[in-house]
N, C-alpha and C. Protein backbone atom coordinates (compact mmCIF):
# COMPACT_ATOMS: atom_id res chain seq x y z
N ALA A 1 0.84 -1.19 0.00
CA ALA A 1 0.00 0.00 0.00
C ALA A 1 0.87 1.24 0.00
N VAL A 2 0.45 2.28 -0.70
CA VAL A 2 1.18 3.54 -0.78
C VAL A 2 0.53 4.53 0.17
N VAL A 3 1.36 5.18 0.97
CA VAL A 3 0.85 6.12 1.97
C VAL A 3 1.50 7.47 1.74
N SER A 4 0.72 8.54 1.81
CA SER A 4 1.29 9.88 1.78
C SER A 4 0.76 10.64 2.98
N THR A 5 1.27 11.83 3.18
CA THR A 5 0.81 12.61 4.32
C THR A 5 -0.59 13.15 4.10
N GLN A 6 -1.06 13.17 2.84
CA GLN A 6 -2.36 13.72 2.53
C GLN A 6 -3.46 12.67 2.44
N SER A 7 -3.10 11.44 2.04
CA SER A 7 -4.14 10.44 1.86
C SER A 7 -3.61 9.05 2.14
N CYS A 8 -4.53 8.09 2.21
CA CYS A 8 -4.16 6.73 2.54
C CYS A 8 -4.91 5.80 1.59
N HIS A 9 -4.25 4.78 1.08
CA HIS A 9 -4.89 3.78 0.23
C HIS A 9 -5.23 2.57 1.08
N TYR A 10 -6.42 2.10 0.94
CA TYR A 10 -6.79 0.84 1.57
C TYR A 10 -7.90 0.21 0.75
N GLY A 11 -8.49 -0.81 1.21
CA GLY A 11 -9.42 -1.63 0.46
C GLY A 11 -10.41 -0.90 -0.43
N ARG A 12 -11.00 0.19 -0.02
CA ARG A 12 -12.06 0.86 -0.79
C ARG A 12 -11.52 1.91 -1.76
N GLY A 13 -10.25 2.25 -1.70
CA GLY A 13 -9.71 3.27 -2.59
C GLY A 13 -8.99 4.34 -1.81
N LYS A 14 -8.72 5.46 -2.47
CA LYS A 14 -7.96 6.56 -1.87
C LYS A 14 -8.90 7.46 -1.07
N VAL A 15 -8.48 7.73 0.18
CA VAL A 15 -9.27 8.58 1.07
C VAL A 15 -8.32 9.58 1.70
N SER A 16 -8.74 10.85 1.80
CA SER A 16 -7.87 11.86 2.42
C SER A 16 -7.76 11.60 3.91
N ALA A 17 -6.67 12.10 4.48
CA ALA A 17 -6.44 11.91 5.92
C ALA A 17 -7.56 12.58 6.73
N ASP A 18 -8.03 13.74 6.29
CA ASP A 18 -9.12 14.43 7.01
C ASP A 18 -10.41 13.62 6.99
N ASP A 19 -10.76 13.08 5.82
CA ASP A 19 -11.98 12.25 5.72
C ASP A 19 -11.87 11.02 6.61
N LEU A 20 -10.68 10.44 6.62
CA LEU A 20 -10.49 9.23 7.42
C LEU A 20 -10.66 9.53 8.90
N MET A 21 -10.10 10.67 9.33
CA MET A 21 -10.20 11.03 10.75
C MET A 21 -11.64 11.38 11.14
N LYS A 22 -12.39 12.05 10.24
CA LYS A 22 -13.74 12.48 10.58
C LYS A 22 -14.77 11.36 10.42
N HIS A 23 -14.67 10.61 9.33
CA HIS A 23 -15.73 9.67 9.00
C HIS A 23 -15.27 8.21 9.03
N GLY A 24 -13.99 7.99 9.24
CA GLY A 24 -13.50 6.63 9.16
C GLY A 24 -13.76 5.80 10.39
N LYS A 25 -13.71 4.52 10.20
CA LYS A 25 -13.86 3.59 11.31
C LYS A 25 -12.50 3.32 11.88
N LYS A 26 -12.50 2.79 13.09
CA LYS A 26 -11.24 2.47 13.74
C LYS A 26 -10.44 1.46 12.92
N SER A 27 -11.11 0.52 12.31
CA SER A 27 -10.40 -0.50 11.53
C SER A 27 -9.72 0.13 10.31
N GLU A 28 -10.38 1.10 9.66
CA GLU A 28 -9.79 1.78 8.51
C GLU A 28 -8.60 2.62 8.95
N LEU A 29 -8.74 3.30 10.05
CA LEU A 29 -7.65 4.11 10.59
C LEU A 29 -6.48 3.23 10.98
N ALA A 30 -6.77 2.09 11.60
CA ALA A 30 -5.72 1.16 12.00
C ALA A 30 -5.00 0.61 10.78
N GLU A 31 -5.75 0.32 9.73
CA GLU A 31 -5.17 -0.21 8.50
C GLU A 31 -4.24 0.83 7.87
N CYS A 32 -4.65 2.06 7.88
CA CYS A 32 -3.83 3.15 7.33
C CYS A 32 -2.56 3.33 8.15
N VAL A 33 -2.68 3.31 9.47
CA VAL A 33 -1.51 3.46 10.36
C VAL A 33 -0.57 2.28 10.16
N GLU A 34 -1.15 1.09 9.98
CA GLU A 34 -0.33 -0.10 9.77
C GLU A 34 0.46 0.00 8.47
N SER A 35 -0.17 0.50 7.40
CA SER A 35 0.54 0.64 6.13
C SER A 35 1.63 1.72 6.23
N MET A 36 1.36 2.78 6.98
CA MET A 36 2.38 3.81 7.19
C MET A 36 3.56 3.25 7.97
N ALA A 37 3.27 2.41 8.95
CA ALA A 37 4.35 1.79 9.73
C ALA A 37 5.20 0.89 8.84
N ALA A 38 4.56 0.18 7.91
CA ALA A 38 5.31 -0.68 7.00
C ALA A 38 6.22 0.16 6.09
N VAL A 39 5.68 1.26 5.61
CA VAL A 39 6.49 2.14 4.75
C VAL A 39 7.66 2.72 5.54
N LEU A 40 7.41 3.15 6.77
CA LEU A 40 8.50 3.69 7.60
C LEU A 40 9.55 2.64 7.89
N ALA A 41 9.13 1.40 8.14
CA ALA A 41 10.09 0.32 8.38
C ALA A 41 10.94 0.08 7.13
N MET A 42 10.29 0.13 5.96
CA MET A 42 11.02 -0.05 4.71
C MET A 42 12.02 1.10 4.51
N CYS A 43 11.60 2.30 4.81
CA CYS A 43 12.51 3.47 4.70
C CYS A 43 13.68 3.33 5.66
N ARG A 44 13.40 2.89 6.88
CA ARG A 44 14.46 2.70 7.87
C ARG A 44 15.49 1.69 7.36
N ASP A 45 15.03 0.57 6.80
CA ASP A 45 15.93 -0.45 6.27
C ASP A 45 16.77 0.09 5.11
N MET A 46 16.12 0.88 4.26
CA MET A 46 16.85 1.48 3.14
C MET A 46 17.92 2.46 3.64
N MET A 47 17.58 3.22 4.68
CA MET A 47 18.54 4.17 5.25
C MET A 47 19.72 3.44 5.88
N LYS A 48 19.44 2.33 6.56
CA LYS A 48 20.53 1.54 7.16
C LYS A 48 21.46 1.02 6.06
N GLY A 49 20.87 0.52 4.98
CA GLY A 49 21.68 0.03 3.86
C GLY A 49 22.50 1.15 3.24
N ALA A 50 21.87 2.30 3.07
CA ALA A 50 22.58 3.44 2.50
C ALA A 50 23.71 3.90 3.41
N LEU A 51 23.46 3.85 4.71
CA LEU A 51 24.50 4.25 5.67
C LEU A 51 25.69 3.31 5.59
N GLY A 52 25.41 2.02 5.47
CA GLY A 52 26.50 1.05 5.31
C GLY A 52 27.29 1.29 4.03
N ASP A 53 26.56 1.55 2.94
CA ASP A 53 27.22 1.85 1.67
C ASP A 53 28.06 3.11 1.77
N LEU A 54 27.54 4.11 2.47
CA LEU A 54 28.27 5.36 2.64
C LEU A 54 29.56 5.13 3.42
N ASP A 55 29.50 4.31 4.46
CA ASP A 55 30.71 3.99 5.23
C ASP A 55 31.74 3.28 4.34
N ASP A 56 31.27 2.35 3.50
CA ASP A 56 32.18 1.65 2.59
C ASP A 56 32.82 2.63 1.62
N LEU A 57 32.02 3.54 1.08
CA LEU A 57 32.56 4.52 0.14
C LEU A 57 33.58 5.45 0.79
N LYS A 58 33.30 5.84 2.02
CA LYS A 58 34.26 6.69 2.74
C LYS A 58 35.57 5.95 2.97
N SER A 59 35.48 4.68 3.33
CA SER A 59 36.69 3.88 3.54
C SER A 59 37.49 3.75 2.25
N GLN A 60 36.79 3.51 1.14
CA GLN A 60 37.46 3.43 -0.15
C GLN A 60 38.11 4.75 -0.52
N GLN A 61 37.41 5.83 -0.25
CA GLN A 61 37.96 7.15 -0.56
C GLN A 61 39.24 7.40 0.23
N ILE A 62 39.23 7.07 1.49
CA ILE A 62 40.41 7.25 2.33
C ILE A 62 41.56 6.40 1.82
N SER A 63 41.25 5.17 1.45
CA SER A 63 42.27 4.27 0.93
C SER A 63 42.86 4.81 -0.37
N LEU A 64 41.99 5.29 -1.26
CA LEU A 64 42.47 5.84 -2.53
C LEU A 64 43.28 7.12 -2.34
N GLN A 65 42.86 7.96 -1.40
CA GLN A 65 43.62 9.18 -1.12
C GLN A 65 45.00 8.84 -0.57
N LYS A 66 45.07 7.80 0.25
CA LYS A 66 46.38 7.36 0.77
C LYS A 66 47.27 6.87 -0.37
N GLN A 67 46.67 6.12 -1.32
CA GLN A 67 47.44 5.66 -2.46
C GLN A 67 47.94 6.83 -3.30
N ILE A 68 47.09 7.83 -3.48
CA ILE A 68 47.49 9.02 -4.24
C ILE A 68 48.66 9.72 -3.55
N ILE A 69 48.56 9.86 -2.24
CA ILE A 69 49.64 10.52 -1.49
C ILE A 69 50.93 9.72 -1.61
N ASP A 70 50.83 8.40 -1.53
CA ASP A 70 52.02 7.55 -1.67
C ASP A 70 52.63 7.70 -3.06
N GLN A 71 51.78 7.73 -4.09
CA GLN A 71 52.27 7.89 -5.46
C GLN A 71 52.92 9.27 -5.66
N GLN A 72 52.31 10.30 -5.07
CA GLN A 72 52.89 11.64 -5.18
C GLN A 72 54.24 11.71 -4.47
N SER A 73 54.34 11.05 -3.33
CA SER A 73 55.61 11.02 -2.61
C SER A 73 56.68 10.32 -3.43
N GLU A 74 56.29 9.21 -4.06
CA GLU A 74 57.24 8.47 -4.90
C GLU A 74 57.67 9.32 -6.10
N LEU A 75 56.71 10.03 -6.69
CA LEU A 75 57.02 10.90 -7.81
C LEU A 75 57.99 12.01 -7.40
N LEU A 76 57.74 12.62 -6.24
CA LEU A 76 58.65 13.66 -5.75
C LEU A 76 60.05 13.10 -5.51
N LYS A 77 60.10 11.89 -4.99
CA LYS A 77 61.39 11.25 -4.74
C LYS A 77 62.14 11.05 -6.05
N CYS A 78 61.44 10.58 -7.09
CA CYS A 78 62.06 10.39 -8.40
C CYS A 78 62.53 11.72 -8.98
N LYS A 79 61.70 12.75 -8.84
CA LYS A 79 62.07 14.08 -9.35
C LYS A 79 63.30 14.60 -8.63
N ASP A 80 63.37 14.39 -7.31
CA ASP A 80 64.54 14.82 -6.55
C ASP A 80 65.80 14.09 -7.03
N GLU A 81 65.67 12.78 -7.29
CA GLU A 81 66.81 12.01 -7.78
C GLU A 81 67.25 12.52 -9.14
N GLN A 82 66.30 12.80 -10.02
CA GLN A 82 66.63 13.34 -11.34
C GLN A 82 67.31 14.70 -11.22
N LEU A 83 66.79 15.53 -10.34
CA LEU A 83 67.38 16.86 -10.14
C LEU A 83 68.81 16.74 -9.62
N ASP A 84 69.02 15.83 -8.66
CA ASP A 84 70.37 15.62 -8.12
C ASP A 84 71.31 15.14 -9.22
N SER A 85 70.81 14.26 -10.08
CA SER A 85 71.62 13.74 -11.18
C SER A 85 72.00 14.86 -12.15
N VAL A 86 71.02 15.70 -12.48
CA VAL A 86 71.29 16.81 -13.40
C VAL A 86 72.27 17.79 -12.76
N GLN A 87 72.09 18.08 -11.48
CA GLN A 87 73.01 19.00 -10.80
C GLN A 87 74.42 18.43 -10.78
N ALA A 88 74.55 17.13 -10.52
CA ALA A 88 75.87 16.51 -10.51
C ALA A 88 76.51 16.57 -11.89
N THR A 89 75.73 16.31 -12.92
CA THR A 89 76.24 16.37 -14.30
C THR A 89 76.69 17.78 -14.65
N VAL A 90 75.87 18.76 -14.30
CA VAL A 90 76.23 20.15 -14.59
C VAL A 90 77.51 20.54 -13.85
N LYS A 91 77.62 20.16 -12.59
CA LYS A 91 78.84 20.48 -11.84
C LYS A 91 80.06 19.83 -12.46
N THR A 92 79.92 18.56 -12.85
CA THR A 92 81.04 17.84 -13.44
C THR A 92 81.45 18.48 -14.77
N GLU A 93 80.47 18.75 -15.61
CA GLU A 93 80.76 19.34 -16.92
C GLU A 93 81.34 20.74 -16.77
N MET A 94 80.81 21.52 -15.86
CA MET A 94 81.34 22.87 -15.64
C MET A 94 82.78 22.79 -15.12
N ARG A 95 83.00 21.84 -14.23
CA ARG A 95 84.34 21.68 -13.68
C ARG A 95 85.31 21.27 -14.79
N SER A 96 84.90 20.31 -15.64
CA SER A 96 85.80 19.86 -16.70
C SER A 96 86.01 20.99 -17.73
N TYR A 97 84.97 21.78 -18.00
CA TYR A 97 85.13 22.91 -18.91
C TYR A 97 86.09 23.93 -18.31
N ALA A 98 85.91 24.20 -17.02
CA ALA A 98 86.80 25.17 -16.36
C ALA A 98 88.25 24.66 -16.35
N ASP A 99 88.42 23.35 -16.11
CA ASP A 99 89.77 22.78 -16.14
C ASP A 99 90.37 22.89 -17.53
N HIS A 100 89.59 22.59 -18.53
CA HIS A 100 90.05 22.68 -19.92
C HIS A 100 90.43 24.13 -20.27
N ALA A 101 89.59 25.04 -19.87
CA ALA A 101 89.87 26.45 -20.16
C ALA A 101 91.14 26.91 -19.45
N ALA A 102 91.32 26.47 -18.22
CA ALA A 102 92.50 26.88 -17.47
C ALA A 102 93.77 26.34 -18.10
N LYS A 103 93.70 25.12 -18.67
CA LYS A 103 94.89 24.54 -19.30
C LYS A 103 95.22 25.22 -20.62
N ASN A 104 94.19 25.55 -21.38
CA ASN A 104 94.41 26.08 -22.72
C ASN A 104 94.60 27.60 -22.78
N TRP A 105 94.09 28.28 -21.80
CA TRP A 105 94.26 29.74 -21.78
C TRP A 105 95.03 30.12 -20.52
N PRO A 106 96.22 30.57 -20.71
CA PRO A 106 97.01 30.94 -19.51
C PRO A 106 96.32 32.07 -18.75
N GLN A 107 96.59 32.09 -17.50
CA GLN A 107 95.93 33.08 -16.66
C GLN A 107 96.61 34.43 -16.73
N GLN A 108 97.67 34.52 -17.51
CA GLN A 108 98.29 35.83 -17.67
C GLN A 108 97.35 36.70 -18.48
N SER A 109 97.45 37.95 -18.24
CA SER A 109 96.56 38.85 -18.97
C SER A 109 96.97 38.85 -20.44
N ALA A 110 96.00 38.77 -21.29
CA ALA A 110 96.27 38.75 -22.73
C ALA A 110 96.75 40.13 -23.17
N GLU A 111 97.52 40.13 -24.26
CA GLU A 111 98.00 41.40 -24.78
C GLU A 111 96.81 42.19 -25.31
N VAL A 112 96.86 43.44 -25.11
CA VAL A 112 95.79 44.31 -25.60
C VAL A 112 96.12 44.68 -27.03
N VAL A 113 95.13 44.53 -27.89
CA VAL A 113 95.31 44.85 -29.31
C VAL A 113 95.00 46.34 -29.47
N THR A 114 95.94 47.02 -30.03
CA THR A 114 95.78 48.47 -30.21
C THR A 114 95.05 48.74 -31.52
N PRO A 115 94.47 49.91 -31.65
CA PRO A 115 93.81 50.27 -32.92
C PRO A 115 94.77 50.24 -34.10
N ALA A 116 96.01 50.59 -33.86
CA ALA A 116 96.99 50.59 -34.95
C ALA A 116 97.24 49.16 -35.44
N GLN A 117 97.28 48.20 -34.51
CA GLN A 117 97.49 46.81 -34.91
C GLN A 117 96.29 46.28 -35.71
N VAL A 118 95.08 46.68 -35.33
CA VAL A 118 93.89 46.26 -36.05
C VAL A 118 93.92 46.85 -37.46
N LYS A 119 94.30 48.11 -37.55
CA LYS A 119 94.36 48.79 -38.84
C LYS A 119 95.37 48.11 -39.76
N GLN A 120 96.51 47.75 -39.20
CA GLN A 120 97.57 47.08 -39.97
C GLN A 120 97.09 45.71 -40.45
N ALA A 121 96.37 44.96 -39.59
CA ALA A 121 95.88 43.63 -39.96
C ALA A 121 94.85 43.73 -41.08
N VAL A 122 93.97 44.72 -41.02
CA VAL A 122 92.96 44.92 -42.06
C VAL A 122 93.66 45.28 -43.37
N LYS A 123 94.68 46.14 -43.30
CA LYS A 123 95.40 46.57 -44.50
C LYS A 123 96.06 45.37 -45.18
N VAL A 124 96.65 44.49 -44.39
CA VAL A 124 97.31 43.31 -44.94
C VAL A 124 96.28 42.40 -45.60
N ALA A 125 95.14 42.22 -44.93
CA ALA A 125 94.09 41.35 -45.49
C ALA A 125 93.56 41.90 -46.80
N VAL A 126 93.38 43.21 -46.90
CA VAL A 126 92.86 43.83 -48.11
C VAL A 126 93.88 43.71 -49.24
N GLN A 127 95.16 43.87 -48.92
CA GLN A 127 96.19 43.75 -49.95
C GLN A 127 96.25 42.33 -50.50
N GLU A 128 96.12 41.34 -49.61
CA GLU A 128 96.13 39.95 -50.07
C GLU A 128 94.93 39.67 -50.97
N GLU A 129 93.79 40.23 -50.61
CA GLU A 129 92.59 40.03 -51.42
C GLU A 129 92.75 40.68 -52.79
N ASP A 130 93.37 41.87 -52.83
CA ASP A 130 93.59 42.56 -54.10
C ASP A 130 94.53 41.75 -54.99
N ARG A 131 95.55 41.12 -54.41
CA ARG A 131 96.49 40.33 -55.18
C ARG A 131 95.81 39.13 -55.82
N THR A 132 94.88 38.50 -55.07
CA THR A 132 94.20 37.33 -55.63
C THR A 132 93.27 37.73 -56.77
N ARG A 133 92.71 38.89 -56.73
CA ARG A 133 91.84 39.35 -57.80
C ARG A 133 92.64 39.67 -59.08
N SER A 134 93.78 40.31 -58.89
CA SER A 134 94.54 40.67 -60.07
C SER A 134 95.13 39.46 -60.73
N LEU A 135 95.39 38.38 -60.05
CA LEU A 135 95.90 37.17 -60.66
C LEU A 135 94.83 36.50 -61.50
N MET A 136 93.61 36.60 -61.11
CA MET A 136 92.53 35.93 -61.82
C MET A 136 92.26 36.60 -63.17
N MET A 137 92.48 37.84 -63.27
CA MET A 137 92.18 38.55 -64.51
C MET A 137 93.15 38.13 -65.52
């Protein structure tokens, strides 16, 4: 039987709660109350089941969040190892470059090239270029 707050279904059909209270017999009223009790019991059982399901879902959520945190921690650990490896490689390469530079370039101050020396070098280069052109003709 279906029960609502406004009406009750029983053997003779749908009757409003007001009509039942004013004109109904005790047996009809008892039948309506009994059907409402059955519906409430069914609702209670459904709520208990839903509560159990909710607890299971919360437990699963907590478990999954823990797994996510563990995976994120592992990822951070891998990233740290990669970063350490890159830093070590950069230090090694920079050190070897610095060693190579120190061996090949003396630490004495290089001679300063004067404007006159640059001018002389350009003049020599231009003369050599002119000579190669005149030979081709």
